[in-house]
Amino acid sequence: MLPQGEAADSLCDAIAAIAEVFKLTDPTLLYLEVSTLVSRYPDVREEHITALLAVRGDASRDMRQMIIETLNQNRPASTANIQPIFRDITVPSMTVPKLLK
């Protein structure tokens, strides 16, 4: 467990990394930004990525699938020294109207 100040900093860093995915204006660079998020936070799950891309709204189904498949193939083998942030975040069953409410 991290000390309270470090935990808060870690959460703020995670929020900033997610914001970068949303701020990106060029969808062709989306894979790069999402892969950066996953490399910094390897406990990000497929449903987290799917939700982020669905909320963005500009990634085609094929693009989302390609990003997820590529990231799943390139996941780091060990996450022993990583403080998990996304592990306990559940993503509700997904429909776009639900996400946009």
C-alpha atoms as a PDB file:
ATOM      1  CA  MET A   1       0.000   0.000   0.000  1.00  0.00           C
ATOM      2  CA  LEU A   2       1.277   3.456  -0.887  1.00  0.00           C
ATOM      3  CA  PRO A   3       1.345   6.331   1.593  1.00  0.00           C
ATOM      4  CA  GLN A   4      -1.720   8.561   1.176  1.00  0.00           C
ATOM      5  CA  GLY A   5       0.104  11.362  -0.690  1.00  0.00           C
ATOM      6  CA  GLU A   6       1.739   8.966  -3.127  1.00  0.00           C
ATOM      7  CA  ALA A   7      -1.564   7.177  -3.705  1.00  0.00           C
ATOM      8  CA  ALA A   8      -3.250  10.486  -4.532  1.00  0.00           C
ATOM      9  CA  ASP A   9      -0.424  11.396  -6.928  1.00  0.00           C
ATOM     10  CA  SER A  10      -0.713   7.997  -8.580  1.00  0.00           C
ATOM     11  CA  LEU A  11      -4.459   8.421  -9.066  1.00  0.00           C
ATOM     12  CA  CYS A  12      -3.968  11.911 -10.486  1.00  0.00           C
ATOM     13  CA  ASP A  13      -1.384  10.545 -12.922  1.00  0.00           C
ATOM     14  CA  ALA A  14      -3.851   7.852 -14.037  1.00  0.00           C
ATOM     15  CA  ILE A  15      -6.568  10.464 -14.602  1.00  0.00           C
ATOM     16  CA  ALA A  16      -4.133  12.560 -16.647  1.00  0.00           C
ATOM     17  CA  ALA A  17      -3.212   9.509 -18.760  1.00  0.00           C
ATOM     18  CA  ILE A  18      -6.895   8.812 -19.457  1.00  0.00           C
ATOM     19  CA  ALA A  19      -7.414  12.487 -20.315  1.00  0.00           C
ATOM     20  CA  GLU A  20      -4.665  12.206 -22.926  1.00  0.00           C
ATOM     21  CA  VAL A  21      -6.675   9.470 -24.669  1.00  0.00           C
ATOM     22  CA  PHE A  22      -9.703  11.793 -24.733  1.00  0.00           C
ATOM     23  CA  LYS A  23      -7.746  14.919 -25.792  1.00  0.00           C
ATOM     24  CA  LEU A  24      -6.127  13.222 -28.778  1.00  0.00           C
ATOM     25  CA  THR A  25      -7.501  14.801 -31.945  1.00  0.00           C
ATOM     26  CA  ASP A  26      -5.928  12.474 -34.502  1.00  0.00           C
ATOM     27  CA  PRO A  27      -7.621   9.056 -34.311  1.00  0.00           C
ATOM     28  CA  THR A  28      -4.759   7.505 -36.300  1.00  0.00           C
ATOM     29  CA  LEU A  29      -2.558   8.044 -33.217  1.00  0.00           C
ATOM     30  CA  LEU A  30      -5.105   6.462 -30.891  1.00  0.00           C
ATOM     31  CA  TYR A  31      -3.266   3.135 -30.718  1.00  0.00           C
ATOM     32  CA  LEU A  32      -0.095   4.881 -29.567  1.00  0.00           C
ATOM     33  CA  GLU A  33      -1.877   6.804 -26.797  1.00  0.00           C
ATOM     34  CA  VAL A  34      -3.792   3.737 -25.572  1.00  0.00           C
ATOM     35  CA  SER A  35      -0.630   1.618 -25.616  1.00  0.00           C
ATOM     36  CA  THR A  36       1.100   4.268 -23.501  1.00  0.00           C
ATOM     37  CA  LEU A  37      -1.769   4.073 -21.003  1.00  0.00           C
ATOM     38  CA  VAL A  38      -1.525   0.270 -20.886  1.00  0.00           C
ATOM     39  CA  SER A  39       2.259   0.302 -20.487  1.00  0.00           C
ATOM     40  CA  ARG A  40       1.979   2.710 -17.531  1.00  0.00           C
ATOM     41  CA  TYR A  41      -0.996   0.864 -16.003  1.00  0.00           C
ATOM     42  CA  PRO A  42      -0.803  -2.820 -16.957  1.00  0.00           C
ATOM     43  CA  ASP A  43      -3.850  -3.652 -14.825  1.00  0.00           C
ATOM     44  CA  VAL A  44      -6.051  -1.870 -17.390  1.00  0.00           C
ATOM     45  CA  ARG A  45      -8.411  -4.501 -18.744  1.00  0.00           C
ATOM     46  CA  GLU A  46      -9.935  -4.922 -22.179  1.00  0.00           C
ATOM     47  CA  GLU A  47     -13.299  -3.630 -20.957  1.00  0.00           C
ATOM     48  CA  HIS A  48     -11.636  -0.423 -19.715  1.00  0.00           C
ATOM     49  CA  ILE A  49     -10.117   0.178 -23.144  1.00  0.00           C
ATOM     50  CA  THR A  50     -13.382  -0.634 -24.882  1.00  0.00           C
ATOM     51  CA  ALA A  51     -15.233   1.843 -22.650  1.00  0.00           C
ATOM     52  CA  LEU A  52     -12.656   4.600 -23.258  1.00  0.00           C
ATOM     53  CA  LEU A  53     -12.837   4.115 -27.011  1.00  0.00           C
ATOM     54  CA  ALA A  54     -16.652   3.970 -26.958  1.00  0.00           C
ATOM     55  CA  VAL A  55     -16.864   7.247 -25.048  1.00  0.00           C
ATOM     56  CA  ARG A  56     -14.486   8.883 -27.535  1.00  0.00           C
ATOM     57  CA  GLY A  57     -16.877   7.816 -30.262  1.00  0.00           C
ATOM     58  CA  ASP A  58     -14.510   8.161 -33.214  1.00  0.00           C
ATOM     59  CA  ALA A  59     -12.911   4.703 -33.249  1.00  0.00           C
ATOM     60  CA  SER A  60     -14.479   2.262 -35.662  1.00  0.00           C
ATOM     61  CA  ARG A  61     -15.276  -1.260 -34.523  1.00  0.00           C
ATOM     62  CA  ASP A  62     -12.357  -2.563 -36.590  1.00  0.00           C
ATOM     63  CA  MET A  63      -9.999   0.003 -35.058  1.00  0.00           C
ATOM     64  CA  ARG A  64     -11.133  -0.853 -31.515  1.00  0.00           C
ATOM     65  CA  GLN A  65     -10.673  -4.571 -32.168  1.00  0.00           C
ATOM     66  CA  MET A  66      -7.218  -4.042 -33.706  1.00  0.00           C
ATOM     67  CA  ILE A  67      -6.098  -1.907 -30.755  1.00  0.00           C
ATOM     68  CA  ILE A  68      -7.333  -4.447 -28.208  1.00  0.00           C
ATOM     69  CA  GLU A  69      -5.855  -7.456 -30.015  1.00  0.00           C
ATOM     70  CA  THR A  70      -2.479  -5.776 -30.460  1.00  0.00           C
ATOM     71  CA  LEU A  71      -2.354  -4.656 -26.831  1.00  0.00           C
ATOM     72  CA  ASN A  72      -3.316  -8.122 -25.601  1.00  0.00           C
ATOM     73  CA  GLN A  73      -0.428  -9.613 -27.602  1.00  0.00           C
ATOM     74  CA  ASN A  74       2.065  -7.097 -26.208  1.00  0.00           C
ATOM     75  CA  ARG A  75       1.123  -7.040 -22.508  1.00  0.00           C
ATOM     76  CA  PRO A  76       4.035  -7.113 -20.062  1.00  0.00           C
ATOM     77  CA  ALA A  77       4.617 -10.542 -18.520  1.00  0.00           C
ATOM     78  CA  SER A  78       5.100  -9.334 -14.959  1.00  0.00           C
ATOM     79  CA  THR A  79       3.256  -6.642 -13.033  1.00  0.00           C
ATOM     80  CA  ALA A  80       4.664  -7.511  -9.609  1.00  0.00           C
ATOM     81  CA  ASN A  81       6.080  -4.037  -8.864  1.00  0.00           C
ATOM     82  CA  ILE A  82       3.082  -2.112 -10.166  1.00  0.00           C
ATOM     83  CA  GLN A  83       0.552  -0.526  -7.803  1.00  0.00           C
ATOM     84  CA  PRO A  84      -2.795  -1.558  -9.353  1.00  0.00           C
ATOM     85  CA  ILE A  85      -5.227   1.262  -9.978  1.00  0.00           C
ATOM     86  CA  PHE A  86      -7.727  -0.194 -12.444  1.00  0.00           C
ATOM     87  CA  ARG A  87      -8.004  -3.628 -10.832  1.00  0.00           C
ATOM     88  CA  ASP A  88     -11.051  -2.709  -8.741  1.00  0.00           C
ATOM     89  CA  ILE A  89     -12.785  -0.524 -11.325  1.00  0.00           C
ATOM     90  CA  THR A  90     -15.724  -2.353 -12.838  1.00  0.00           C
ATOM     91  CA  VAL A  91     -17.163  -1.443 -16.193  1.00  0.00           C
ATOM     92  CA  PRO A  92     -20.936  -1.875 -16.516  1.00  0.00           C
ATOM     93  CA  SER A  93     -22.277  -3.921 -19.379  1.00  0.00           C
ATOM     94  CA  MET A  94     -21.713  -1.753 -22.356  1.00  0.00           C
ATOM     95  CA  THR A  95     -24.061  -0.027 -24.679  1.00  0.00           C
ATOM     96  CA  VAL A  96     -23.155   3.348 -26.103  1.00  0.00           C
ATOM     97  CA  PRO A  97     -26.339   5.084 -24.873  1.00  0.00           C
ATOM     98  CA  LYS A  98     -25.573   3.858 -21.333  1.00  0.00           C
ATOM     99  CA  LEU A  99     -22.027   5.243 -21.512  1.00  0.00           C
ATOM    100  CA  LEU A 100     -23.167   8.636 -22.697  1.00  0.00           C
ATOM    101  CA  LYS A 101     -25.771   9.207 -19.963  1.00  0.00           C
END
